[in-house]
mmCIF file of all heavy atoms, coordinates in Angstrom:
data_MODEL
# 
_entry.id   MODEL 
# 
loop_
_atom_site.group_PDB 
_atom_site.id 
_atom_site.type_symbol 
_atom_site.label_atom_id 
_atom_site.label_alt_id 
_atom_site.label_comp_id 
_atom_site.label_asym_id 
_atom_site.label_entity_id 
_atom_site.label_seq_id 
_atom_site.pdbx_PDB_ins_code 
_atom_site.Cartn_x 
_atom_site.Cartn_y 
_atom_site.Cartn_z 
_atom_site.occupancy 
_atom_site.B_iso_or_equiv 
_atom_site.pdbx_formal_charge 
_atom_site.auth_seq_id 
_atom_site.auth_comp_id 
_atom_site.auth_asym_id 
_atom_site.auth_atom_id 
_atom_site.pdbx_PDB_model_num 
ATOM 1   N N   . TYR A 1 1  ? 11.726  -3.411  5.842   1.00 0.00 ? 1  TYR A N   1 
ATOM 2   C CA  . TYR A 1 1  ? 10.308  -3.026  5.838   1.00 0.00 ? 1  TYR A CA  1 
ATOM 3   C C   . TYR A 1 1  ? 10.064  -2.248  4.560   1.00 0.00 ? 1  TYR A C   1 
ATOM 4   O O   . TYR A 1 1  ? 10.589  -1.146  4.381   1.00 0.00 ? 1  TYR A O   1 
ATOM 5   C CB  . TYR A 1 1  ? 9.948   -2.187  7.069   1.00 0.00 ? 1  TYR A CB  1 
ATOM 6   C CG  . TYR A 1 1  ? 8.455   -1.976  7.200   1.00 0.00 ? 1  TYR A CG  1 
ATOM 7   C CD1 . TYR A 1 1  ? 7.622   -3.042  7.514   1.00 0.00 ? 1  TYR A CD1 1 
ATOM 8   C CD2 . TYR A 1 1  ? 7.884   -0.727  6.962   1.00 0.00 ? 1  TYR A CD2 1 
ATOM 9   C CE1 . TYR A 1 1  ? 6.244   -2.874  7.606   1.00 0.00 ? 1  TYR A CE1 1 
ATOM 10  C CE2 . TYR A 1 1  ? 6.511   -0.550  7.058   1.00 0.00 ? 1  TYR A CE2 1 
ATOM 11  C CZ  . TYR A 1 1  ? 5.697   -1.631  7.382   1.00 0.00 ? 1  TYR A CZ  1 
ATOM 12  O OH  . TYR A 1 1  ? 4.331   -1.466  7.464   1.00 0.00 ? 1  TYR A OH  1 
ATOM 13  N N   . GLY A 1 2  ? 9.266   -2.810  3.667   1.00 0.00 ? 2  GLY A N   1 
ATOM 14  C CA  . GLY A 1 2  ? 9.169   -2.308  2.302   1.00 0.00 ? 2  GLY A CA  1 
ATOM 15  C C   . GLY A 1 2  ? 8.195   -1.191  2.049   1.00 0.00 ? 2  GLY A C   1 
ATOM 16  O O   . GLY A 1 2  ? 7.370   -1.259  1.132   1.00 0.00 ? 2  GLY A O   1 
ATOM 17  N N   . MET A 1 3  ? 8.272   -0.128  2.831   1.00 0.00 ? 3  MET A N   1 
ATOM 18  C CA  . MET A 1 3  ? 7.490   1.076   2.543   1.00 0.00 ? 3  MET A CA  1 
ATOM 19  C C   . MET A 1 3  ? 8.108   2.268   3.263   1.00 0.00 ? 3  MET A C   1 
ATOM 20  O O   . MET A 1 3  ? 8.965   2.106   4.131   1.00 0.00 ? 3  MET A O   1 
ATOM 21  C CB  . MET A 1 3  ? 6.020   0.907   2.949   1.00 0.00 ? 3  MET A CB  1 
ATOM 22  C CG  . MET A 1 3  ? 5.757   0.804   4.436   1.00 0.00 ? 3  MET A CG  1 
ATOM 23  S SD  . MET A 1 3  ? 3.987   0.701   4.825   1.00 0.00 ? 3  MET A SD  1 
ATOM 24  C CE  . MET A 1 3  ? 3.445   2.380   4.461   1.00 0.00 ? 3  MET A CE  1 
ATOM 25  N N   . GLY A 1 4  ? 7.668   3.467   2.885   1.00 0.00 ? 4  GLY A N   1 
ATOM 26  C CA  . GLY A 1 4  ? 8.168   4.679   3.537   1.00 0.00 ? 4  GLY A CA  1 
ATOM 27  C C   . GLY A 1 4  ? 9.627   4.923   3.227   1.00 0.00 ? 4  GLY A C   1 
ATOM 28  O O   . GLY A 1 4  ? 10.140  4.559   2.165   1.00 0.00 ? 4  GLY A O   1 
ATOM 29  N N   . LYS A 1 5  ? 10.335  5.499   4.188   1.00 0.00 ? 5  LYS A N   1 
ATOM 30  C CA  . LYS A 1 5  ? 11.739  5.849   3.955   1.00 0.00 ? 5  LYS A CA  1 
ATOM 31  C C   . LYS A 1 5  ? 12.642  4.628   3.873   1.00 0.00 ? 5  LYS A C   1 
ATOM 32  O O   . LYS A 1 5  ? 13.793  4.732   3.446   1.00 0.00 ? 5  LYS A O   1 
ATOM 33  C CB  . LYS A 1 5  ? 12.239  6.803   5.052   1.00 0.00 ? 5  LYS A CB  1 
ATOM 34  C CG  . LYS A 1 5  ? 12.173  6.277   6.465   1.00 0.00 ? 5  LYS A CG  1 
ATOM 35  C CD  . LYS A 1 5  ? 12.688  7.313   7.443   1.00 0.00 ? 5  LYS A CD  1 
ATOM 36  C CE  . LYS A 1 5  ? 12.514  6.871   8.882   1.00 0.00 ? 5  LYS A CE  1 
ATOM 37  N NZ  . LYS A 1 5  ? 11.094  6.890   9.296   1.00 0.00 ? 5  LYS A NZ  1 
ATOM 38  N N   . THR A 1 6  ? 12.126  3.453   4.272   1.00 0.00 ? 6  THR A N   1 
ATOM 39  C CA  . THR A 1 6  ? 12.916  2.227   4.169   1.00 0.00 ? 6  THR A CA  1 
ATOM 40  C C   . THR A 1 6  ? 12.552  1.424   2.918   1.00 0.00 ? 6  THR A C   1 
ATOM 41  O O   . THR A 1 6  ? 12.992  0.287   2.762   1.00 0.00 ? 6  THR A O   1 
ATOM 42  C CB  . THR A 1 6  ? 12.718  1.343   5.418   1.00 0.00 ? 6  THR A CB  1 
ATOM 43  O OG1 . THR A 1 6  ? 11.319  1.100   5.612   1.00 0.00 ? 6  THR A OG1 1 
ATOM 44  C CG2 . THR A 1 6  ? 13.290  2.022   6.657   1.00 0.00 ? 6  THR A CG2 1 
ATOM 45  N N   . SER A 1 7  ? 11.738  2.020   2.039   1.00 0.00 ? 7  SER A N   1 
ATOM 46  C CA  . SER A 1 7  ? 11.393  1.346   0.783   1.00 0.00 ? 7  SER A CA  1 
ATOM 47  C C   . SER A 1 7  ? 12.624  1.259   -0.114  1.00 0.00 ? 7  SER A C   1 
ATOM 48  O O   . SER A 1 7  ? 13.417  2.195   -0.208  1.00 0.00 ? 7  SER A O   1 
ATOM 49  C CB  . SER A 1 7  ? 10.291  2.130   0.062   1.00 0.00 ? 7  SER A CB  1 
ATOM 50  O OG  . SER A 1 7  ? 9.990   1.541   -1.183  1.00 0.00 ? 7  SER A OG  1 
ATOM 51  N N   . VAL A 1 8  ? 12.810  0.107   -0.761  1.00 0.00 ? 8  VAL A N   1 
ATOM 52  C CA  . VAL A 1 8  ? 13.928  -0.072  -1.698  1.00 0.00 ? 8  VAL A CA  1 
ATOM 53  C C   . VAL A 1 8  ? 13.378  -0.533  -3.043  1.00 0.00 ? 8  VAL A C   1 
ATOM 54  O O   . VAL A 1 8  ? 12.234  -1.000  -3.140  1.00 0.00 ? 8  VAL A O   1 
ATOM 55  C CB  . VAL A 1 8  ? 14.943  -1.113  -1.167  1.00 0.00 ? 8  VAL A CB  1 
ATOM 56  C CG1 . VAL A 1 8  ? 15.611  -0.613  0.106   1.00 0.00 ? 8  VAL A CG1 1 
ATOM 57  C CG2 . VAL A 1 8  ? 14.261  -2.460  -0.927  1.00 0.00 ? 8  VAL A CG2 1 
ATOM 58  N N   . GLN A 1 9  ? 14.184  -0.405  -4.091  1.00 0.00 ? 9  GLN A N   1 
ATOM 59  C CA  . GLN A 1 9  ? 13.751  -0.814  -5.419  1.00 0.00 ? 9  GLN A CA  1 
ATOM 60  C C   . GLN A 1 9  ? 13.520  -2.326  -5.469  1.00 0.00 ? 9  GLN A C   1 
ATOM 61  O O   . GLN A 1 9  ? 14.326  -3.098  -4.970  1.00 0.00 ? 9  GLN A O   1 
ATOM 62  C CB  . GLN A 1 9  ? 14.788  -0.414  -6.463  1.00 0.00 ? 9  GLN A CB  1 
ATOM 63  C CG  . GLN A 1 9  ? 14.837  1.088   -6.738  1.00 0.00 ? 9  GLN A CG  1 
ATOM 64  C CD  . GLN A 1 9  ? 15.726  1.419   -7.913  1.00 0.00 ? 9  GLN A CD  1 
ATOM 65  O OE1 . GLN A 1 9  ? 16.487  0.582   -8.381  1.00 0.00 ? 9  GLN A OE1 1 
ATOM 66  N NE2 . GLN A 1 9  ? 15.633  2.649   -8.398  1.00 0.00 ? 9  GLN A NE2 1 
ATOM 67  N N   . SER A 1 10 ? 12.396  -2.707  -6.059  1.00 0.00 ? 10 SER A N   1 
ATOM 68  C CA  . SER A 1 10 ? 12.076  -4.131  -6.208  1.00 0.00 ? 10 SER A CA  1 
ATOM 69  C C   . SER A 1 10 ? 11.043  -4.281  -7.314  1.00 0.00 ? 10 SER A C   1 
ATOM 70  O O   . SER A 1 10 ? 10.173  -3.423  -7.495  1.00 0.00 ? 10 SER A O   1 
ATOM 71  C CB  . SER A 1 10 ? 11.510  -4.699  -4.900  1.00 0.00 ? 10 SER A CB  1 
ATOM 72  O OG  . SER A 1 10 ? 10.976  -5.998  -5.114  1.00 0.00 ? 10 SER A OG  1 
ATOM 73  N N   . LYS A 1 11 ? 11.124  -5.389  -8.041  1.00 0.00 ? 11 LYS A N   1 
ATOM 74  C CA  . LYS A 1 11 ? 10.126  -5.636  -9.083  1.00 0.00 ? 11 LYS A CA  1 
ATOM 75  C C   . LYS A 1 11 ? 8.770   -5.985  -8.478  1.00 0.00 ? 11 LYS A C   1 
ATOM 76  O O   . LYS A 1 11 ? 7.759   -6.047  -9.197  1.00 0.00 ? 11 LYS A O   1 
ATOM 77  C CB  . LYS A 1 11 ? 10.600  -6.757  -10.002 1.00 0.00 ? 11 LYS A CB  1 
ATOM 78  C CG  . LYS A 1 11 ? 10.793  -8.103  -9.319  1.00 0.00 ? 11 LYS A CG  1 
ATOM 79  C CD  . LYS A 1 11 ? 11.313  -9.135  -10.313 1.00 0.00 ? 11 LYS A CD  1 
ATOM 80  C CE  . LYS A 1 11 ? 11.542  -10.491 -9.645  1.00 0.00 ? 11 LYS A CE  1 
ATOM 81  N NZ  . LYS A 1 11 ? 12.064  -11.493 -10.601 1.00 0.00 ? 11 LYS A NZ  1 
ATOM 82  N N   . PHE A 1 12 ? 8.739   -6.184  -7.154  1.00 0.00 ? 12 PHE A N   1 
ATOM 83  C CA  . PHE A 1 12 ? 7.488   -6.503  -6.470  1.00 0.00 ? 12 PHE A CA  1 
ATOM 84  C C   . PHE A 1 12 ? 6.877   -5.272  -5.797  1.00 0.00 ? 12 PHE A C   1 
ATOM 85  O O   . PHE A 1 12 ? 5.930   -5.392  -5.024  1.00 0.00 ? 12 PHE A O   1 
ATOM 86  C CB  . PHE A 1 12 ? 7.715   -7.603  -5.430  1.00 0.00 ? 12 PHE A CB  1 
ATOM 87  C CG  . PHE A 1 12 ? 8.173   -8.897  -6.032  1.00 0.00 ? 12 PHE A CG  1 
ATOM 88  C CD1 . PHE A 1 12 ? 9.474   -9.342  -5.841  1.00 0.00 ? 12 PHE A CD1 1 
ATOM 89  C CD2 . PHE A 1 12 ? 7.308   -9.662  -6.797  1.00 0.00 ? 12 PHE A CD2 1 
ATOM 90  C CE1 . PHE A 1 12 ? 9.901   -10.532 -6.400  1.00 0.00 ? 12 PHE A CE1 1 
ATOM 91  C CE2 . PHE A 1 12 ? 7.730   -10.860 -7.363  1.00 0.00 ? 12 PHE A CE2 1 
ATOM 92  C CZ  . PHE A 1 12 ? 9.033   -11.292 -7.171  1.00 0.00 ? 12 PHE A CZ  1 
ATOM 93  N N   . ASN A 1 13 ? 7.411   -4.099  -6.071  1.00 0.00 ? 13 ASN A N   1 
ATOM 94  C CA  . ASN A 1 13 ? 6.851   -2.865  -5.526  1.00 0.00 ? 13 ASN A CA  1 
ATOM 95  C C   . ASN A 1 13 ? 5.591   -2.451  -6.276  1.00 0.00 ? 13 ASN A C   1 
ATOM 96  O O   . ASN A 1 13 ? 5.456   -2.693  -7.477  1.00 0.00 ? 13 ASN A O   1 
ATOM 97  C CB  . ASN A 1 13 ? 7.873   -1.729  -5.604  1.00 0.00 ? 13 ASN A CB  1 
ATOM 98  C CG  . ASN A 1 13 ? 8.904   -1.797  -4.490  1.00 0.00 ? 13 ASN A CG  1 
ATOM 99  O OD1 . ASN A 1 13 ? 8.758   -2.574  -3.549  1.00 0.00 ? 13 ASN A OD1 1 
ATOM 100 N ND2 . ASN A 1 13 ? 9.940   -0.999  -4.595  1.00 0.00 ? 13 ASN A ND2 1 
ATOM 101 N N   . ILE A 1 14 ? 4.697   -1.804  -5.558  1.00 0.00 ? 14 ILE A N   1 
ATOM 102 C CA  . ILE A 1 14 ? 3.484   -1.217  -6.130  1.00 0.00 ? 14 ILE A CA  1 
ATOM 103 C C   . ILE A 1 14 ? 3.590   0.296   -5.924  1.00 0.00 ? 14 ILE A C   1 
ATOM 104 O O   . ILE A 1 14 ? 4.023   0.745   -4.856  1.00 0.00 ? 14 ILE A O   1 
ATOM 105 C CB  . ILE A 1 14 ? 2.215   -1.753  -5.429  1.00 0.00 ? 14 ILE A CB  1 
ATOM 106 C CG1 . ILE A 1 14 ? 2.173   -3.282  -5.483  1.00 0.00 ? 14 ILE A CG1 1 
ATOM 107 C CG2 . ILE A 1 14 ? 0.960   -1.156  -6.048  1.00 0.00 ? 14 ILE A CG2 1 
ATOM 108 C CD1 . ILE A 1 14 ? 1.072   -3.886  -4.630  1.00 0.00 ? 14 ILE A CD1 1 
ATOM 109 N N   . PRO A 1 15 ? 3.219   1.119   -6.912  1.00 0.00 ? 15 PRO A N   1 
ATOM 110 C CA  . PRO A 1 15 ? 3.257   2.574   -6.724  1.00 0.00 ? 15 PRO A CA  1 
ATOM 111 C C   . PRO A 1 15 ? 2.547   2.983   -5.431  1.00 0.00 ? 15 PRO A C   1 
ATOM 112 O O   . PRO A 1 15 ? 1.465   2.464   -5.114  1.00 0.00 ? 15 PRO A O   1 
ATOM 113 C CB  . PRO A 1 15 ? 2.524   3.103   -7.963  1.00 0.00 ? 15 PRO A CB  1 
ATOM 114 C CG  . PRO A 1 15 ? 2.764   2.064   -9.003  1.00 0.00 ? 15 PRO A CG  1 
ATOM 115 C CD  . PRO A 1 15 ? 2.760   0.750   -8.271  1.00 0.00 ? 15 PRO A CD  1 
ATOM 116 N N   . GLY A 1 16 ? 3.171   3.904   -4.693  1.00 0.00 ? 16 GLY A N   1 
ATOM 117 C CA  . GLY A 1 16 ? 2.732   4.222   -3.340  1.00 0.00 ? 16 GLY A CA  1 
ATOM 118 C C   . GLY A 1 16 ? 1.261   4.558   -3.192  1.00 0.00 ? 16 GLY A C   1 
ATOM 119 O O   . GLY A 1 16 ? 0.565   4.003   -2.331  1.00 0.00 ? 16 GLY A O   1 
ATOM 120 N N   . ARG A 1 17 ? 0.764   5.492   -3.992  1.00 0.00 ? 17 ARG A N   1 
ATOM 121 C CA  . ARG A 1 17 ? -0.626  5.928   -3.830  1.00 0.00 ? 17 ARG A CA  1 
ATOM 122 C C   . ARG A 1 17 ? -1.607  4.796   -4.127  1.00 0.00 ? 17 ARG A C   1 
ATOM 123 O O   . ARG A 1 17 ? -2.589  4.593   -3.397  1.00 0.00 ? 17 ARG A O   1 
ATOM 124 C CB  . ARG A 1 17 ? -0.929  7.120   -4.740  1.00 0.00 ? 17 ARG A CB  1 
ATOM 125 C CG  . ARG A 1 17 ? -0.166  8.378   -4.385  1.00 0.00 ? 17 ARG A CG  1 
ATOM 126 C CD  . ARG A 1 17 ? -0.580  9.542   -5.271  1.00 0.00 ? 17 ARG A CD  1 
ATOM 127 N NE  . ARG A 1 17 ? 0.482   10.529  -5.361  1.00 0.00 ? 17 ARG A NE  1 
ATOM 128 C CZ  . ARG A 1 17 ? 0.730   11.448  -4.445  1.00 0.00 ? 17 ARG A CZ  1 
ATOM 129 N NH1 . ARG A 1 17 ? -0.033  11.523  -3.372  1.00 0.00 ? 17 ARG A NH1 1 
ATOM 130 N NH2 . ARG A 1 17 ? 1.724   12.303  -4.600  1.00 0.00 ? 17 ARG A NH2 1 
ATOM 131 N N   . ILE A 1 18 ? -1.337  4.058   -5.207  1.00 0.00 ? 18 ILE A N   1 
ATOM 132 C CA  . ILE A 1 18 ? -2.223  2.951   -5.582  1.00 0.00 ? 18 ILE A CA  1 
ATOM 133 C C   . ILE A 1 18 ? -2.230  1.890   -4.483  1.00 0.00 ? 18 ILE A C   1 
ATOM 134 O O   . ILE A 1 18 ? -3.289  1.391   -4.069  1.00 0.00 ? 18 ILE A O   1 
ATOM 135 C CB  . ILE A 1 18 ? -1.776  2.339   -6.918  1.00 0.00 ? 18 ILE A CB  1 
ATOM 136 C CG1 . ILE A 1 18 ? -1.956  3.350   -8.051  1.00 0.00 ? 18 ILE A CG1 1 
ATOM 137 C CG2 . ILE A 1 18 ? -2.553  1.049   -7.215  1.00 0.00 ? 18 ILE A CG2 1 
ATOM 138 C CD1 . ILE A 1 18 ? -1.370  2.908   -9.371  1.00 0.00 ? 18 ILE A CD1 1 
ATOM 139 N N   . ALA A 1 19 ? -1.047  1.539   -3.996  1.00 0.00 ? 19 ALA A N   1 
ATOM 140 C CA  . ALA A 1 19 ? -0.951  0.519   -2.946  1.00 0.00 ? 19 ALA A CA  1 
ATOM 141 C C   . ALA A 1 19 ? -1.675  0.972   -1.690  1.00 0.00 ? 19 ALA A C   1 
ATOM 142 O O   . ALA A 1 19 ? -2.421  0.196   -1.072  1.00 0.00 ? 19 ALA A O   1 
ATOM 143 C CB  . ALA A 1 19 ? 0.522   0.231   -2.637  1.00 0.00 ? 19 ALA A CB  1 
ATOM 144 N N   . TRP A 1 20 ? -1.466  2.236   -1.315  1.00 0.00 ? 20 TRP A N   1 
ATOM 145 C CA  . TRP A 1 20 ? -2.045  2.737   -0.058  1.00 0.00 ? 20 TRP A CA  1 
ATOM 146 C C   . TRP A 1 20 ? -3.566  2.694   -0.100  1.00 0.00 ? 20 TRP A C   1 
ATOM 147 O O   . TRP A 1 20 ? -4.208  2.193   0.829   1.00 0.00 ? 20 TRP A O   1 
ATOM 148 C CB  . TRP A 1 20 ? -1.554  4.161   0.213   1.00 0.00 ? 20 TRP A CB  1 
ATOM 149 C CG  . TRP A 1 20 ? -1.934  4.627   1.581   1.00 0.00 ? 20 TRP A CG  1 
ATOM 150 C CD1 . TRP A 1 20 ? -3.107  5.220   1.946   1.00 0.00 ? 20 TRP A CD1 1 
ATOM 151 C CD2 . TRP A 1 20 ? -1.163  4.512   2.781   1.00 0.00 ? 20 TRP A CD2 1 
ATOM 152 N NE1 . TRP A 1 20 ? -3.113  5.482   3.294   1.00 0.00 ? 20 TRP A NE1 1 
ATOM 153 C CE2 . TRP A 1 20 ? -1.932  5.054   3.828   1.00 0.00 ? 20 TRP A CE2 1 
ATOM 154 C CE3 . TRP A 1 20 ? 0.109   4.001   3.058   1.00 0.00 ? 20 TRP A CE3 1 
ATOM 155 C CZ2 . TRP A 1 20 ? -1.465  5.114   5.137   1.00 0.00 ? 20 TRP A CZ2 1 
ATOM 156 C CZ3 . TRP A 1 20 ? 0.571   4.050   4.365   1.00 0.00 ? 20 TRP A CZ3 1 
ATOM 157 C CH2 . TRP A 1 20 ? -0.210  4.606   5.385   1.00 0.00 ? 20 TRP A CH2 1 
ATOM 158 N N   . VAL A 1 21 ? -4.144  3.218   -1.162  1.00 0.00 ? 21 VAL A N   1 
ATOM 159 C CA  . VAL A 1 21 ? -5.601  3.247   -1.264  1.00 0.00 ? 21 VAL A CA  1 
ATOM 160 C C   . VAL A 1 21 ? -6.173  1.834   -1.265  1.00 0.00 ? 21 VAL A C   1 
ATOM 161 O O   . VAL A 1 21 ? -7.122  1.526   -0.528  1.00 0.00 ? 21 VAL A O   1 
ATOM 162 C CB  . VAL A 1 21 ? -6.046  4.005   -2.534  1.00 0.00 ? 21 VAL A CB  1 
ATOM 163 C CG1 . VAL A 1 21 ? -7.553  3.839   -2.754  1.00 0.00 ? 21 VAL A CG1 1 
ATOM 164 C CG2 . VAL A 1 21 ? -5.689  5.479   -2.435  1.00 0.00 ? 21 VAL A CG2 1 
ATOM 165 N N   . THR A 1 22 ? -5.600  0.953   -2.071  1.00 0.00 ? 22 THR A N   1 
ATOM 166 C CA  . THR A 1 22 ? -6.158  -0.389  -2.217  1.00 0.00 ? 22 THR A CA  1 
ATOM 167 C C   . THR A 1 22 ? -5.952  -1.262  -0.980  1.00 0.00 ? 22 THR A C   1 
ATOM 168 O O   . THR A 1 22 ? -6.688  -2.230  -0.783  1.00 0.00 ? 22 THR A O   1 
ATOM 169 C CB  . THR A 1 22 ? -5.567  -1.108  -3.447  1.00 0.00 ? 22 THR A CB  1 
ATOM 170 O OG1 . THR A 1 22 ? -4.128  -1.090  -3.372  1.00 0.00 ? 22 THR A OG1 1 
ATOM 171 C CG2 . THR A 1 22 ? -6.020  -0.428  -4.724  1.00 0.00 ? 22 THR A CG2 1 
ATOM 172 N N   . MET A 1 23 ? -4.987  -0.910  -0.118  1.00 0.00 ? 23 MET A N   1 
ATOM 173 C CA  . MET A 1 23 ? -4.803  -1.720  1.088   1.00 0.00 ? 23 MET A CA  1 
ATOM 174 C C   . MET A 1 23 ? -5.553  -1.141  2.293   1.00 0.00 ? 23 MET A C   1 
ATOM 175 O O   . MET A 1 23 ? -5.805  -1.851  3.265   1.00 0.00 ? 23 MET A O   1 
ATOM 176 C CB  . MET A 1 23 ? -3.311  -1.877  1.426   1.00 0.00 ? 23 MET A CB  1 
ATOM 177 C CG  . MET A 1 23 ? -2.632  -0.660  1.994   1.00 0.00 ? 23 MET A CG  1 
ATOM 178 S SD  . MET A 1 23 ? -0.823  -0.924  2.124   1.00 0.00 ? 23 MET A SD  1 
ATOM 179 C CE  . MET A 1 23 ? -0.348  0.438   3.225   1.00 0.00 ? 23 MET A CE  1 
ATOM 180 N N   . GLU A 1 24 ? -5.940  0.134   2.244   1.00 0.00 ? 24 GLU A N   1 
ATOM 181 C CA  . GLU A 1 24 ? -6.625  0.764   3.371   1.00 0.00 ? 24 GLU A CA  1 
ATOM 182 C C   . GLU A 1 24 ? -8.145  0.822   3.191   1.00 0.00 ? 24 GLU A C   1 
ATOM 183 O O   . GLU A 1 24 ? -8.889  0.676   4.156   1.00 0.00 ? 24 GLU A O   1 
ATOM 184 C CB  . GLU A 1 24 ? -6.088  2.190   3.559   1.00 0.00 ? 24 GLU A CB  1 
ATOM 185 C CG  . GLU A 1 24 ? -4.625  2.255   4.002   1.00 0.00 ? 24 GLU A CG  1 
ATOM 186 C CD  . GLU A 1 24 ? -4.433  1.937   5.470   1.00 0.00 ? 24 GLU A CD  1 
ATOM 187 O OE1 . GLU A 1 24 ? -5.216  2.416   6.295   1.00 0.00 ? 24 GLU A OE1 1 
ATOM 188 O OE2 . GLU A 1 24 ? -3.494  1.179   5.783   1.00 0.00 ? 24 GLU A OE2 1 
ATOM 189 N N   . VAL A 1 25 ? -8.607  1.035   1.969   1.00 0.00 ? 25 VAL A N   1 
ATOM 190 C CA  . VAL A 1 25 ? -10.044 1.167   1.719   1.00 0.00 ? 25 VAL A CA  1 
ATOM 191 C C   . VAL A 1 25 ? -10.853 -0.075  2.118   1.00 0.00 ? 25 VAL A C   1 
ATOM 192 O O   . VAL A 1 25 ? -11.991 0.058   2.600   1.00 0.00 ? 25 VAL A O   1 
ATOM 193 C CB  . VAL A 1 25 ? -10.295 1.543   0.237   1.00 0.00 ? 25 VAL A CB  1 
ATOM 194 C CG1 . VAL A 1 25 ? -11.746 1.292   -0.164  1.00 0.00 ? 25 VAL A CG1 1 
ATOM 195 C CG2 . VAL A 1 25 ? -9.937  3.013   0.003   1.00 0.00 ? 25 VAL A CG2 1 
ATOM 196 N N   . PRO A 1 26 ? -10.331 -1.310  1.954   1.00 0.00 ? 26 PRO A N   1 
ATOM 197 C CA  . PRO A 1 26 ? -11.131 -2.481  2.352   1.00 0.00 ? 26 PRO A CA  1 
ATOM 198 C C   . PRO A 1 26 ? -11.587 -2.466  3.810   1.00 0.00 ? 26 PRO A C   1 
ATOM 199 O O   . PRO A 1 26 ? -12.596 -3.110  4.133   1.00 0.00 ? 26 PRO A O   1 
ATOM 200 C CB  . PRO A 1 26 ? -10.166 -3.654  2.097   1.00 0.00 ? 26 PRO A CB  1 
ATOM 201 C CG  . PRO A 1 26 ? -9.304  -3.181  0.974   1.00 0.00 ? 26 PRO A CG  1 
ATOM 202 C CD  . PRO A 1 26 ? -9.081  -1.718  1.263   1.00 0.00 ? 26 PRO A CD  1 
ATOM 203 N N   . GLY A 1 27 ? -10.892 -1.738  4.671   1.00 0.00 ? 27 GLY A N   1 
ATOM 204 C CA  . GLY A 1 27 ? -11.274 -1.703  6.074   1.00 0.00 ? 27 GLY A CA  1 
ATOM 205 C C   . GLY A 1 27 ? -12.635 -1.079  6.296   1.00 0.00 ? 27 GLY A C   1 
ATOM 206 O O   . GLY A 1 27 ? -13.583 -1.739  6.749   1.00 0.00 ? 27 GLY A O   1 
ATOM 207 N N   . PHE A 1 28 ? -12.779 0.193   5.973   1.00 0.00 ? 28 PHE A N   1 
ATOM 208 C CA  . PHE A 1 28 ? -14.038 0.851   6.295   1.00 0.00 ? 28 PHE A CA  1 
ATOM 209 C C   . PHE A 1 28 ? -15.176 0.434   5.364   1.00 0.00 ? 28 PHE A C   1 
ATOM 210 O O   . PHE A 1 28 ? -16.347 0.435   5.765   1.00 0.00 ? 28 PHE A O   1 
ATOM 211 C CB  . PHE A 1 28 ? -13.885 2.377   6.346   1.00 0.00 ? 28 PHE A CB  1 
ATOM 212 C CG  . PHE A 1 28 ? -13.825 3.087   5.027   1.00 0.00 ? 28 PHE A CG  1 
ATOM 213 C CD1 . PHE A 1 28 ? -14.985 3.534   4.410   1.00 0.00 ? 28 PHE A CD1 1 
ATOM 214 C CD2 . PHE A 1 28 ? -12.613 3.348   4.413   1.00 0.00 ? 28 PHE A CD2 1 
ATOM 215 C CE1 . PHE A 1 28 ? -14.936 4.214   3.206   1.00 0.00 ? 28 PHE A CE1 1 
ATOM 216 C CE2 . PHE A 1 28 ? -12.548 4.027   3.220   1.00 0.00 ? 28 PHE A CE2 1 
ATOM 217 C CZ  . PHE A 1 28 ? -13.717 4.460   2.602   1.00 0.00 ? 28 PHE A CZ  1 
ATOM 218 N N   . THR A 1 29 ? -14.867 0.030   4.124   1.00 0.00 ? 29 THR A N   1 
ATOM 219 C CA  . THR A 1 29 ? -15.942 -0.439  3.243   1.00 0.00 ? 29 THR A CA  1 
ATOM 220 C C   . THR A 1 29 ? -16.499 -1.779  3.725   1.00 0.00 ? 29 THR A C   1 
ATOM 221 O O   . THR A 1 29 ? -17.709 -2.024  3.643   1.00 0.00 ? 29 THR A O   1 
ATOM 222 C CB  . THR A 1 29 ? -15.443 -0.565  1.791   1.00 0.00 ? 29 THR A CB  1 
ATOM 223 O OG1 . THR A 1 29 ? -14.257 -1.366  1.746   1.00 0.00 ? 29 THR A OG1 1 
ATOM 224 C CG2 . THR A 1 29 ? -15.134 0.807   1.204   1.00 0.00 ? 29 THR A CG2 1 
ATOM 225 N N   . THR A 1 30 ? -15.618 -2.631  4.245   1.00 0.00 ? 30 THR A N   1 
ATOM 226 C CA  . THR A 1 30 ? -16.084 -3.908  4.807   1.00 0.00 ? 30 THR A CA  1 
ATOM 227 C C   . THR A 1 30 ? -16.950 -3.673  6.027   1.00 0.00 ? 30 THR A C   1 
ATOM 228 O O   . THR A 1 30 ? -18.014 -4.293  6.188   1.00 0.00 ? 30 THR A O   1 
ATOM 229 C CB  . THR A 1 30 ? -14.886 -4.809  5.165   1.00 0.00 ? 30 THR A CB  1 
ATOM 230 O OG1 . THR A 1 30 ? -14.155 -5.118  3.985   1.00 0.00 ? 30 THR A OG1 1 
ATOM 231 C CG2 . THR A 1 30 ? -15.340 -6.100  5.833   1.00 0.00 ? 30 THR A CG2 1 
ATOM 232 N N   . LEU A 1 31 ? -16.523 -2.772  6.899   1.00 0.00 ? 31 LEU A N   1 
ATOM 233 C CA  . LEU A 1 31 ? -17.322 -2.476  8.097   1.00 0.00 ? 31 LEU A CA  1 
ATOM 234 C C   . LEU A 1 31 ? -18.687 -1.925  7.712   1.00 0.00 ? 31 LEU A C   1 
ATOM 235 O O   . LEU A 1 31 ? -19.714 -2.318  8.276   1.00 0.00 ? 31 LEU A O   1 
ATOM 236 C CB  . LEU A 1 31 ? -16.578 -1.498  8.996   1.00 0.00 ? 31 LEU A CB  1 
ATOM 237 C CG  . LEU A 1 31 ? -17.304 -1.158  10.303  1.00 0.00 ? 31 LEU A CG  1 
ATOM 238 C CD1 . LEU A 1 31 ? -16.349 -1.223  11.501  1.00 0.00 ? 31 LEU A CD1 1 
ATOM 239 C CD2 . LEU A 1 31 ? -17.944 0.230   10.249  1.00 0.00 ? 31 LEU A CD2 1 
ATOM 240 N N   . LEU A 1 32 ? -18.724 -1.014  6.752   1.00 0.00 ? 32 LEU A N   1 
ATOM 241 C CA  . LEU A 1 32 ? -20.007 -0.448  6.320   1.00 0.00 ? 32 LEU A CA  1 
ATOM 242 C C   . LEU A 1 32 ? -20.919 -1.526  5.736   1.00 0.00 ? 32 LEU A C   1 
ATOM 243 O O   . LEU A 1 32 ? -22.134 -1.540  5.995   1.00 0.00 ? 32 LEU A O   1 
ATOM 244 C CB  . LEU A 1 32 ? -19.769 0.658   5.292   1.00 0.00 ? 32 LEU A CB  1 
ATOM 245 C CG  . LEU A 1 32 ? -19.240 1.985   5.830   1.00 0.00 ? 32 LEU A CG  1 
ATOM 246 C CD1 . LEU A 1 32 ? -18.898 2.930   4.692   1.00 0.00 ? 32 LEU A CD1 1 
ATOM 247 C CD2 . LEU A 1 32 ? -20.250 2.643   6.776   1.00 0.00 ? 32 LEU A CD2 1 
# 
C-alpha cells in the first residue's frame, strides 16, 4: 500500500502534501 508508513521509494511516487491535496480536493469542489 503506497502511502503512509508503508510508503516505499518509487519513481512513481508523488510528494505527500501535493498528492494529498490534489486527490482529496476534487471531492468537495465537485459536490459544490
